[in-house]
């Protein structure tokens, strides 16, 4: 038979909770009254294929997974989206290689919050949503908790799509700046090392290729070309021109600037700001 939809209202998050996670907890508590085997956590701006849940459950049962997550295909239409979205996924895969995430023997854990099928028993065993109540990067935080009680899986998909638009560069900057410094655990040391690494790995090679001489120029050119080639699979996934490949260093520089902006906003006490709210879980400043 057909299911039904129940809309649940709350009075807003209590102190120490992010708005999203309080909403998720409220939904989980309501759903657990029917003693479900699995819970689907998804964003309102994600459009799923009709058989998404069925395929997620089948994969979860086949692998005895406590978390099965799909990286929804992000909207990639505006100029800002075409420049940033593939690179966002590319850098995410560099930080969290999916093969490592899916390896039960690896400590690497990650998920995509737009589509997560969670085993209800596993969620209870890891402390529930309460255990990540103030996490800004809630999907990866939940994945880290769940991987302590069972195997998890993360993969790319075209069958679940995000329809949230990022029309201009400022929209993308706000999205990335919101959580970039949190990803670095609010550490000035990690910020400095990440900035240096981004400049050396992505920005220096094209500069050396363009302005260097001799063997240094050739080394810079080969590194730049290798960088572009590794970017091609995600460009194909988004059906974009392969000519975007050589522009990866420019995008990497923009991401570095957004990360520095994220730290600046944190120290201005505007860290994690989203829809008029400032992140409740950011560490206090002296």
Protein backbone atom coordinates (compact mmCIF):
# COMPACT_ATOMS: atom_id res chain seq x y z
CA UNK A 1 0.00 0.00 0.00
CA UNK A 2 0.93 3.63 -0.19
CA UNK A 3 2.77 5.28 2.65
CA UNK A 4 1.93 8.62 4.17
CA UNK A 5 3.80 11.80 4.98
CA UNK A 6 3.72 13.37 8.41
CA UNK A 7 4.97 16.94 8.80
CA UNK A 8 6.45 17.57 12.24
CA UNK A 9 6.87 21.01 13.78
CA UNK A 10 9.36 22.04 16.45
CA UNK A 11 9.96 25.15 18.50
CA UNK A 12 13.49 25.52 17.15
CA UNK A 13 16.78 24.02 18.32
CA UNK A 14 17.77 24.11 22.01
CA UNK A 15 21.13 25.51 23.02
CA UNK A 16 24.06 23.48 21.74
CA UNK A 17 22.28 22.11 18.67
CA UNK A 18 22.47 23.14 15.03
CA UNK A 19 19.10 23.72 13.41
CA UNK A 20 19.50 20.91 10.89
CA UNK A 21 20.54 18.29 13.41
CA UNK A 22 17.71 19.19 15.76
CA UNK A 23 15.31 18.73 12.85
CA UNK A 24 16.92 15.40 11.98
CA UNK A 25 16.71 14.22 15.59
CA UNK A 26 13.06 15.20 15.76
CA UNK A 27 12.35 13.20 12.63
CA UNK A 28 14.34 10.20 13.85
CA UNK A 29 12.48 10.14 17.17
CA UNK A 30 9.14 10.21 15.33
CA UNK A 31 10.20 7.50 12.87
CA UNK A 32 11.51 5.18 15.58
CA UNK A 33 7.98 4.78 16.94
CA UNK A 34 7.38 2.33 14.09
CA UNK A 35 10.64 0.43 14.87
CA UNK A 36 12.22 0.77 11.39
CA UNK A 37 15.21 -1.23 10.20
CA UNK A 38 16.57 1.74 8.25
CA UNK A 39 16.23 5.51 8.24
CA UNK A 40 16.66 7.65 5.12
CA UNK A 41 18.25 11.02 5.88
CA UNK A 42 17.97 13.34 2.89
CA UNK A 43 17.91 17.04 2.11
CA UNK A 44 14.81 18.82 0.84
CA UNK A 45 16.62 19.95 -2.31
CA UNK A 46 17.54 16.41 -3.45
CA UNK A 47 15.50 14.76 -6.22
CA UNK A 48 15.70 10.96 -6.14
CA UNK A 49 15.01 8.33 -8.78
CA UNK A 50 11.95 6.17 -7.98
CA UNK A 51 14.07 3.16 -7.01
CA UNK A 52 16.73 4.99 -4.97
CA UNK A 53 15.58 3.70 -1.59
CA UNK A 54 15.18 0.14 -2.91
CA UNK A 55 18.72 0.12 -4.33
CA UNK A 56 20.15 1.64 -1.14
CA UNK A 57 18.47 -1.01 1.03
CA UNK A 58 19.66 -3.79 -1.28
CA UNK A 59 23.26 -2.56 -1.05
CA UNK A 60 23.01 -2.12 2.72
CA UNK A 61 21.68 -5.65 3.20
CA UNK A 62 24.24 -7.15 0.83
CA UNK A 63 27.16 -5.53 2.67
CA UNK A 64 25.65 -5.49 6.17
CA UNK A 65 26.25 -1.72 6.13
CA UNK A 66 25.32 0.66 8.91
CA UNK A 67 25.56 3.62 6.53
CA UNK A 68 24.98 3.69 2.77
CA UNK A 69 25.44 7.14 1.26
CA UNK A 70 25.18 8.57 -2.24
CA UNK A 71 26.97 11.72 -3.32
CA UNK A 72 24.10 13.37 -5.17
CA UNK A 73 24.94 14.99 -8.50
CA UNK A 74 25.11 18.70 -7.73
CA UNK A 75 23.54 21.29 -10.00
CA UNK A 76 26.13 22.44 -12.54
CA UNK A 77 24.56 24.99 -14.85
CA UNK A 78 25.67 28.53 -13.98
CA UNK A 79 29.21 29.68 -14.71
CA UNK A 80 30.02 29.68 -10.99
CA UNK A 81 28.71 26.12 -10.67
CA UNK A 82 30.66 24.86 -13.69
CA UNK A 83 33.86 26.30 -12.29
CA UNK A 84 33.43 25.16 -8.68
CA UNK A 85 31.20 22.09 -8.44
CA UNK A 86 33.43 19.50 -10.19
CA UNK A 87 36.43 20.80 -8.24
CA UNK A 88 34.46 20.55 -4.99
CA UNK A 89 33.83 16.84 -5.65
CA UNK A 90 37.43 16.35 -6.85
CA UNK A 91 38.89 17.85 -3.67
CA UNK A 92 36.41 15.91 -1.52
CA UNK A 93 37.59 12.67 -3.11
CA UNK A 94 41.19 13.67 -2.46
CA UNK A 95 40.43 14.28 1.23
CA UNK A 96 38.23 11.20 1.56
CA UNK A 97 39.14 8.58 -1.08
CA UNK A 98 36.00 6.52 -1.55
CA UNK A 99 37.99 3.26 -1.58
CA UNK A 100 39.31 4.13 1.89
CA UNK A 101 35.87 5.14 3.13
CA UNK A 102 34.43 1.83 1.94
CA UNK A 103 37.27 -0.23 3.42
CA UNK A 104 36.22 -1.54 6.87
CA UNK A 105 39.89 -1.72 7.91
CA UNK A 106 40.52 1.96 7.15
CA UNK A 107 39.76 4.72 9.66
CA UNK A 108 38.72 7.14 6.89
CA UNK A 109 35.02 7.95 7.19
CA UNK A 110 32.83 10.26 5.12
CA UNK A 111 29.29 10.58 3.82
CA UNK A 112 27.17 12.89 1.69
CA UNK A 113 24.39 14.42 3.75
CA UNK A 114 22.00 14.73 0.83
CA UNK A 115 21.35 10.98 0.77
CA UNK A 116 22.19 8.69 3.68
CA UNK A 117 20.52 5.38 4.50
CA UNK A 118 21.27 4.63 8.14
CA UNK A 119 20.70 1.34 9.93
CA UNK A 120 18.53 2.25 12.93
CA UNK A 121 20.29 -0.17 15.27
CA UNK A 122 23.68 1.18 14.23
CA UNK A 123 22.54 4.74 14.88
CA UNK A 124 21.42 3.81 18.40
CA UNK A 125 24.67 1.98 19.10
CA UNK A 126 26.84 4.97 18.16
CA UNK A 127 24.89 7.38 20.37
CA UNK A 128 22.30 8.65 17.90
CA UNK A 129 22.05 12.14 16.50
CA UNK A 130 22.73 13.48 20.00
CA UNK A 131 26.37 12.41 19.62
CA UNK A 132 26.89 14.97 16.82
CA UNK A 133 24.39 17.60 17.98
CA UNK A 134 26.66 20.59 17.32
CA UNK A 135 28.67 19.27 14.35
CA UNK A 136 28.87 21.68 11.45
CA UNK A 137 30.00 18.98 8.97
CA UNK A 138 27.31 16.66 10.21
CA UNK A 139 27.42 14.03 7.46
CA UNK A 140 31.11 13.21 7.89
CA UNK A 141 30.76 13.42 11.68
CA UNK A 142 27.93 10.88 11.59
CA UNK A 143 29.93 8.64 9.24
CA UNK A 144 32.85 8.73 11.67
CA UNK A 145 30.59 7.67 14.53
CA UNK A 146 28.85 4.93 12.54
CA UNK A 147 32.07 3.43 11.23
CA UNK A 148 32.99 2.55 14.81
CA UNK A 149 30.03 0.13 14.92
CA UNK A 150 30.00 -1.27 11.37
CA UNK A 151 31.00 -0.88 7.72
CA UNK A 152 29.93 2.15 5.68
CA UNK A 153 29.78 2.87 1.96
CA UNK A 154 29.91 6.06 -0.13
CA UNK A 155 29.59 6.44 -3.89
CA UNK A 156 28.81 8.89 -6.67
CA UNK A 157 25.47 8.76 -8.44
CA UNK A 158 23.49 10.41 -11.20
CA UNK A 159 20.20 9.03 -9.91
CA UNK A 160 19.96 11.51 -7.04
CA UNK A 161 20.34 15.15 -8.00
CA UNK A 162 20.61 18.38 -6.04
CA UNK A 163 18.47 21.22 -7.38
CA UNK A 164 19.95 23.87 -5.06
CA UNK A 165 21.31 26.68 -7.26
CA UNK A 166 24.56 28.58 -6.74
CA UNK A 167 24.08 31.31 -9.30
CA UNK A 168 27.04 33.53 -8.49
CA UNK A 169 30.56 33.31 -7.13
CA UNK A 170 29.44 34.84 -3.82
CA UNK A 171 26.93 32.00 -3.35
CA UNK A 172 29.67 29.40 -3.80
CA UNK A 173 32.03 31.30 -1.51
CA UNK A 174 29.45 31.35 1.27
CA UNK A 175 28.80 27.63 0.89
CA UNK A 176 32.49 26.72 1.10
CA UNK A 177 33.45 29.32 3.72
CA UNK A 178 30.68 28.07 5.98
CA UNK A 179 32.49 24.83 6.83
CA UNK A 180 36.05 24.96 5.46
CA UNK A 181 37.71 26.03 8.73
CA UNK A 182 35.64 23.51 10.68
CA UNK A 183 37.07 20.82 8.38
CA UNK A 184 40.49 21.94 9.61
CA UNK A 185 39.29 21.58 13.23
CA UNK A 186 39.63 25.33 13.76
CA UNK A 187 43.42 24.89 13.84
CA UNK A 188 45.63 27.81 12.72
CA UNK A 189 48.43 25.29 12.20
CA UNK A 190 46.34 23.12 9.86
CA UNK A 191 45.14 26.26 8.09
CA UNK A 192 48.71 27.38 7.45
CA UNK A 193 49.82 23.93 6.28
CA UNK A 194 46.76 23.49 4.04
CA UNK A 195 47.27 26.90 2.46
CA UNK A 196 50.94 26.15 1.83
CA UNK A 197 50.10 22.72 0.39
CA UNK A 198 47.46 24.12 -1.96
CA UNK A 199 49.85 26.77 -3.24
CA UNK A 200 52.71 24.31 -3.76
CA UNK A 201 50.67 21.47 -5.27
CA UNK A 202 48.19 23.38 -7.44
CA UNK A 203 49.34 26.98 -7.96
CA UNK A 204 53.12 26.71 -8.24
CA UNK A 205 53.33 24.23 -11.19
CA UNK A 206 51.54 26.44 -13.78
CA UNK A 207 53.49 29.49 -12.61
CA UNK A 208 56.76 27.59 -13.04
CA UNK A 209 55.60 26.28 -16.42
CA UNK A 210 54.76 29.78 -17.62
CA UNK A 211 57.63 31.77 -16.14
CA UNK A 212 60.36 29.23 -15.34
CA UNK A 213 63.28 28.18 -17.50
CA UNK A 214 65.03 24.97 -18.41
CA UNK A 215 64.17 21.72 -16.63
CA UNK A 216 62.10 23.57 -14.02
CA UNK A 217 59.72 24.78 -16.72
CA UNK A 218 59.31 21.25 -18.12
CA UNK A 219 58.75 19.82 -14.65
CA UNK A 220 56.09 22.46 -13.99
CA UNK A 221 54.42 21.71 -17.32
CA UNK A 222 54.33 17.94 -16.71
CA UNK A 223 52.92 18.47 -13.21
CA UNK A 224 50.26 20.85 -14.55
CA UNK A 225 49.32 18.35 -17.27
CA UNK A 226 49.14 15.49 -14.75
CA UNK A 227 46.91 17.62 -12.53
CA UNK A 228 44.57 18.30 -15.46
CA UNK A 229 44.43 14.62 -16.45
CA UNK A 230 43.44 13.51 -12.93
CA UNK A 231 40.61 16.04 -13.10
CA UNK A 232 39.13 14.61 -16.31
CA UNK A 233 36.95 11.82 -14.81
CA UNK A 234 34.89 14.25 -12.71
CA UNK A 235 34.59 16.64 -15.68
CA UNK A 236 33.20 13.75 -17.75
CA UNK A 237 30.81 12.88 -14.92
CA UNK A 238 29.41 16.42 -15.12
CA UNK A 239 29.55 16.40 -18.94
CA UNK A 240 31.73 19.50 -19.06
CA UNK A 241 34.36 20.45 -21.60
CA UNK A 242 37.74 18.91 -20.89
CA UNK A 243 39.19 22.40 -21.40
CA UNK A 244 38.23 23.08 -17.78
CA UNK A 245 41.05 20.70 -16.77
CA UNK A 246 43.95 23.17 -17.12
CA UNK A 247 41.96 25.72 -15.07
CA UNK A 248 42.07 23.55 -11.93
CA UNK A 249 44.94 25.64 -10.42
CA UNK A 250 42.77 28.78 -10.66
CA UNK A 251 39.90 27.01 -8.92
CA UNK A 252 42.29 25.65 -6.28
CA UNK A 253 43.46 29.19 -5.58
CA UNK A 254 39.83 30.30 -5.16
CA UNK A 255 39.17 27.43 -2.74
CA UNK A 256 42.24 28.47 -0.76
CA UNK A 257 40.93 32.03 -0.54
CA UNK A 258 37.52 30.74 0.59
CA UNK A 259 39.21 28.65 3.29
CA UNK A 260 41.11 31.68 4.56
CA UNK A 261 37.83 33.61 4.50
CA UNK A 262 36.25 30.83 6.57
CA UNK A 263 38.94 31.26 9.23
CA UNK A 264 38.54 35.05 9.14
CA UNK A 265 34.79 34.71 9.68
CA UNK A 266 35.38 32.34 12.58
CA UNK A 267 37.63 34.83 14.35
CA UNK A 268 35.09 37.55 13.66
CA UNK A 269 32.55 35.28 15.46
CA UNK A 270 30.62 34.67 12.23
CA UNK A 271 31.84 31.11 11.69
CA UNK A 272 29.41 28.63 10.14
CA UNK A 273 26.83 31.33 9.48
CA UNK A 274 23.89 29.95 7.52
CA UNK A 275 20.39 31.37 7.09
CA UNK A 276 21.05 34.01 9.73
CA UNK A 277 22.38 31.58 12.36
CA UNK A 278 25.97 31.26 13.56
CA UNK A 279 27.30 27.77 14.25
CA UNK A 280 26.69 26.81 17.85
CA UNK A 281 29.49 24.29 18.07
CA UNK A 282 32.46 26.43 17.10
CA UNK A 283 35.01 26.63 19.91
CA UNK A 284 34.86 29.79 21.97
CA UNK A 285 37.50 32.44 21.49
CA UNK A 286 39.73 33.83 24.22
